[in-house]
Each structure stands twice: as C-alpha cells, then as structure tokens.
Amino acid sequence: MLAKMARRVQGLSTLGVTLACFAFFVLALPRLDHAEEAPKRFDIKAQRLSEALMAFGAQTGAIVMASSDLTAGKISKPVSGQLTPQEALTRILEGTGLKFEISSNGTILIVRTAPQAR
C-alpha cells in the first residue's frame, strides 16, 4: 500500500503540487490585513515565481492566489531587508509582467499587468 501511495505521489504534476501549496495558504493561513503595513524582515532568494510567492506567504501570513499559467517559467527577483509586505511583493514581481491586487477580504491576487500602449 505504501508503494502504491509513493507511485501516486510521483505521478503528481508540478501544477498539482503548486495548486496544493496555494490551497494550503488559502485554507491554513490568515489573510493580510490592510492595516499590516509595518516593515518586516524579508529574505527571499531569486527562484521560481510560484516558490517565491509561497515564501512570501509563509513570511507574512498572507493568502496569495496565483494561477500556475501566470507563474510558469517566471523567476522572481530576490528580496532582502526591512520592507513593508507590499514593497516586498512589488520587488518579487518586478520584471515578470505581473502585479498584485488586494481583494476586499485581504486576499492577494496575482494578475497580469495591462499591456503598455504603443
């Protein structure tokens, strides 16, 4: 039975693992309140964007929602130092073509930036 479970786990796609991790943040962690603007110490290395967003959520307790279609193939910028969560997330997303929005319930949504007019 254990071997069967191991084969099943090996069969999970990266997408499935990513969605499972994001679901963990949605269900298990509190939301980021708008009032929580105080600077915090961040230490998030440059890495796959989905992993950086999970690290950001773990360090802030924020709920971060991002489609794997948006994060696929993207690398985050490193973030280190005393920053507000909003400053840190802006730096993580720098150069990815993505931005964040905070919903009315405090959930952070990762979305595409609008295309620039020519």
C-alpha atoms as a PDB file:
ATOM      1  CA  MET A   1       0.000   0.000   0.000  1.00  0.00           C
ATOM      2  CA  LEU A   2       2.856   2.378   0.818  1.00  0.00           C
ATOM      3  CA  ALA A   3       4.467   1.677  -2.545  1.00  0.00           C
ATOM      4  CA  LYS A   4       1.173   2.398  -4.286  1.00  0.00           C
ATOM      5  CA  MET A   5       0.919   5.753  -2.480  1.00  0.00           C
ATOM      6  CA  ALA A   6       4.521   6.583  -3.414  1.00  0.00           C
ATOM      7  CA  ARG A   7       3.783   5.935  -7.108  1.00  0.00           C
ATOM      8  CA  ARG A   8       0.728   8.144  -6.834  1.00  0.00           C
ATOM      9  CA  VAL A   9       2.743  10.991  -5.303  1.00  0.00           C
ATOM     10  CA  GLN A  10       5.379  10.642  -8.020  1.00  0.00           C
ATOM     11  CA  GLY A  11       2.626  10.961 -10.581  1.00  0.00           C
ATOM     12  CA  LEU A  12       1.546  14.389  -9.359  1.00  0.00           C
ATOM     13  CA  SER A  13       2.347  17.099 -11.846  1.00  0.00           C
ATOM     14  CA  THR A  14       4.104  20.307 -10.927  1.00  0.00           C
ATOM     15  CA  LEU A  15       0.785  22.027 -11.489  1.00  0.00           C
ATOM     16  CA  GLY A  16      -0.912  19.788  -8.962  1.00  0.00           C
ATOM     17  CA  VAL A  17       1.774  20.375  -6.366  1.00  0.00           C
ATOM     18  CA  THR A  18       1.676  24.131  -6.962  1.00  0.00           C
ATOM     19  CA  LEU A  19      -2.104  24.222  -6.641  1.00  0.00           C
ATOM     20  CA  ALA A  20      -1.934  22.118  -3.487  1.00  0.00           C
ATOM     21  CA  CYS A  21       0.563  24.538  -1.933  1.00  0.00           C
ATOM     22  CA  PHE A  22      -1.550  27.550  -2.824  1.00  0.00           C
ATOM     23  CA  ALA A  23      -4.615  25.780  -1.432  1.00  0.00           C
ATOM     24  CA  PHE A  24      -2.707  25.322   1.823  1.00  0.00           C
ATOM     25  CA  PHE A  25      -2.178  29.075   2.059  1.00  0.00           C
ATOM     26  CA  VAL A  26      -5.831  29.744   1.321  1.00  0.00           C
ATOM     27  CA  LEU A  27      -7.120  27.325   3.933  1.00  0.00           C
ATOM     28  CA  ALA A  28      -4.490  27.404   6.655  1.00  0.00           C
ATOM     29  CA  LEU A  29      -3.105  30.908   6.892  1.00  0.00           C
ATOM     30  CA  PRO A  30      -4.764  34.147   7.963  1.00  0.00           C
ATOM     31  CA  ARG A  31      -5.253  36.943   5.493  1.00  0.00           C
ATOM     32  CA  LEU A  32      -3.060  40.026   5.230  1.00  0.00           C
ATOM     33  CA  ASP A  33      -4.913  42.949   6.759  1.00  0.00           C
ATOM     34  CA  HIS A  34      -4.680  46.317   5.067  1.00  0.00           C
ATOM     35  CA  ALA A  35      -3.513  47.754   8.390  1.00  0.00           C
ATOM     36  CA  GLU A  36      -0.478  45.459   8.415  1.00  0.00           C
ATOM     37  CA  GLU A  37       1.848  47.942   6.727  1.00  0.00           C
ATOM     38  CA  ALA A  38       4.693  47.726   9.246  1.00  0.00           C
ATOM     39  CA  PRO A  39       8.079  46.820   7.746  1.00  0.00           C
ATOM     40  CA  LYS A  40       9.216  43.229   8.229  1.00  0.00           C
ATOM     41  CA  ARG A  41      12.491  41.456   7.626  1.00  0.00           C
ATOM     42  CA  PHE A  42      12.395  39.593   4.311  1.00  0.00           C
ATOM     43  CA  ASP A  43      14.895  37.090   2.968  1.00  0.00           C
ATOM     44  CA  ILE A  44      13.530  35.550  -0.231  1.00  0.00           C
ATOM     45  CA  LYS A  45      16.024  34.431  -2.865  1.00  0.00           C
ATOM     46  CA  ALA A  46      15.517  34.641  -6.631  1.00  0.00           C
ATOM     47  CA  GLN A  47      13.684  31.449  -7.572  1.00  0.00           C
ATOM     48  CA  ARG A  48      10.706  30.121  -9.477  1.00  0.00           C
ATOM     49  CA  LEU A  49       7.959  32.686  -9.015  1.00  0.00           C
ATOM     50  CA  SER A  50       5.499  30.176  -7.564  1.00  0.00           C
ATOM     51  CA  GLU A  51       8.027  29.257  -4.862  1.00  0.00           C
ATOM     52  CA  ALA A  52       8.817  32.905  -4.102  1.00  0.00           C
ATOM     53  CA  LEU A  53       5.110  33.630  -3.662  1.00  0.00           C
ATOM     54  CA  MET A  54       4.811  30.704  -1.259  1.00  0.00           C
ATOM     55  CA  ALA A  55       7.827  32.003   0.694  1.00  0.00           C
ATOM     56  CA  PHE A  56       6.240  35.464   0.802  1.00  0.00           C
ATOM     57  CA  GLY A  57       3.005  33.950   2.140  1.00  0.00           C
ATOM     58  CA  ALA A  58       4.911  31.976   4.761  1.00  0.00           C
ATOM     59  CA  GLN A  59       6.844  35.051   5.931  1.00  0.00           C
ATOM     60  CA  THR A  60       3.803  37.354   6.068  1.00  0.00           C
ATOM     61  CA  GLY A  61       0.895  35.029   6.810  1.00  0.00           C
ATOM     62  CA  ALA A  62      -0.791  36.422   3.702  1.00  0.00           C
ATOM     63  CA  ILE A  63      -3.078  34.485   1.398  1.00  0.00           C
ATOM     64  CA  VAL A  64      -1.588  34.699  -2.102  1.00  0.00           C
ATOM     65  CA  MET A  65      -3.533  33.398  -5.104  1.00  0.00           C
ATOM     66  CA  ALA A  66      -1.857  32.960  -8.493  1.00  0.00           C
ATOM     67  CA  SER A  67      -2.693  30.802 -11.469  1.00  0.00           C
ATOM     68  CA  SER A  68       0.096  28.421 -12.435  1.00  0.00           C
ATOM     69  CA  ASP A  69      -0.425  29.680 -16.006  1.00  0.00           C
ATOM     70  CA  LEU A  70       0.705  33.126 -14.845  1.00  0.00           C
ATOM     71  CA  THR A  71       3.726  31.961 -12.850  1.00  0.00           C
ATOM     72  CA  ALA A  72       5.007  29.230 -15.185  1.00  0.00           C
ATOM     73  CA  GLY A  73       8.530  29.867 -16.444  1.00  0.00           C
ATOM     74  CA  LYS A  74       8.947  33.070 -14.435  1.00  0.00           C
ATOM     75  CA  ILE A  75      11.756  33.779 -11.979  1.00  0.00           C
ATOM     76  CA  SER A  76      11.314  36.185  -9.090  1.00  0.00           C
ATOM     77  CA  LYS A  77      13.637  38.959  -8.055  1.00  0.00           C
ATOM     78  CA  PRO A  78      15.378  38.460  -4.714  1.00  0.00           C
ATOM     79  CA  VAL A  79      14.027  40.392  -1.743  1.00  0.00           C
ATOM     80  CA  SER A  80      16.077  41.072   1.349  1.00  0.00           C
ATOM     81  CA  GLY A  81      15.815  43.626   4.113  1.00  0.00           C
ATOM     82  CA  GLN A  82      13.257  45.609   6.104  1.00  0.00           C
ATOM     83  CA  LEU A  83      10.295  46.246   3.808  1.00  0.00           C
ATOM     84  CA  THR A  84       6.546  46.506   4.011  1.00  0.00           C
ATOM     85  CA  PRO A  85       4.814  43.415   2.605  1.00  0.00           C
ATOM     86  CA  GLN A  86       3.613  45.493  -0.354  1.00  0.00           C
ATOM     87  CA  GLU A  87       7.150  46.687  -1.135  1.00  0.00           C
ATOM     88  CA  ALA A  88       8.484  43.138  -0.886  1.00  0.00           C
ATOM     89  CA  LEU A  89       5.814  41.710  -3.168  1.00  0.00           C
ATOM     90  CA  THR A  90       6.322  44.500  -5.700  1.00  0.00           C
ATOM     91  CA  ARG A  91      10.039  43.616  -5.812  1.00  0.00           C
ATOM     92  CA  ILE A  92       9.332  39.886  -6.151  1.00  0.00           C
ATOM     93  CA  LEU A  93       7.083  40.549  -9.160  1.00  0.00           C
ATOM     94  CA  GLU A  94       9.415  43.097 -10.802  1.00  0.00           C
ATOM     95  CA  GLY A  95      10.031  42.245 -14.465  1.00  0.00           C
ATOM     96  CA  THR A  96       7.508  39.381 -14.593  1.00  0.00           C
ATOM     97  CA  GLY A  97       4.690  41.252 -16.316  1.00  0.00           C
ATOM     98  CA  LEU A  98       2.561  40.604 -13.250  1.00  0.00           C
ATOM     99  CA  LYS A  99       1.252  42.748 -10.421  1.00  0.00           C
ATOM    100  CA  PHE A 100      -0.807  42.159  -7.308  1.00  0.00           C
ATOM    101  CA  GLU A 101      -4.204  43.344  -6.203  1.00  0.00           C
ATOM    102  CA  ILE A 102      -5.641  43.049  -2.722  1.00  0.00           C
ATOM    103  CA  SER A 103      -9.256  41.893  -2.678  1.00  0.00           C
ATOM    104  CA  SER A 104     -11.865  43.234  -0.270  1.00  0.00           C
ATOM    105  CA  ASN A 105     -11.251  40.282   2.080  1.00  0.00           C
ATOM    106  CA  GLY A 106      -7.469  40.854   2.108  1.00  0.00           C
ATOM    107  CA  THR A 107      -6.508  38.038  -0.250  1.00  0.00           C
ATOM    108  CA  ILE A 108      -3.609  38.939  -2.548  1.00  0.00           C
ATOM    109  CA  LEU A 109      -4.377  38.173  -6.188  1.00  0.00           C
ATOM    110  CA  ILE A 110      -1.579  37.941  -8.759  1.00  0.00           C
ATOM    111  CA  VAL A 111      -2.707  39.278 -12.136  1.00  0.00           C
ATOM    112  CA  ARG A 112      -1.211  40.352 -15.464  1.00  0.00           C
ATOM    113  CA  THR A 113      -0.226  43.965 -15.854  1.00  0.00           C
ATOM    114  CA  ALA A 114      -2.078  45.849 -18.560  1.00  0.00           C
ATOM    115  CA  PRO A 115      -0.195  45.954 -21.865  1.00  0.00           C
ATOM    116  CA  GLN A 116       1.509  49.295 -22.419  1.00  0.00           C
ATOM    117  CA  ALA A 117       0.125  51.489 -25.189  1.00  0.00           C
ATOM    118  CA  ARG A 118       2.425  51.990 -28.149  1.00  0.00           C
END
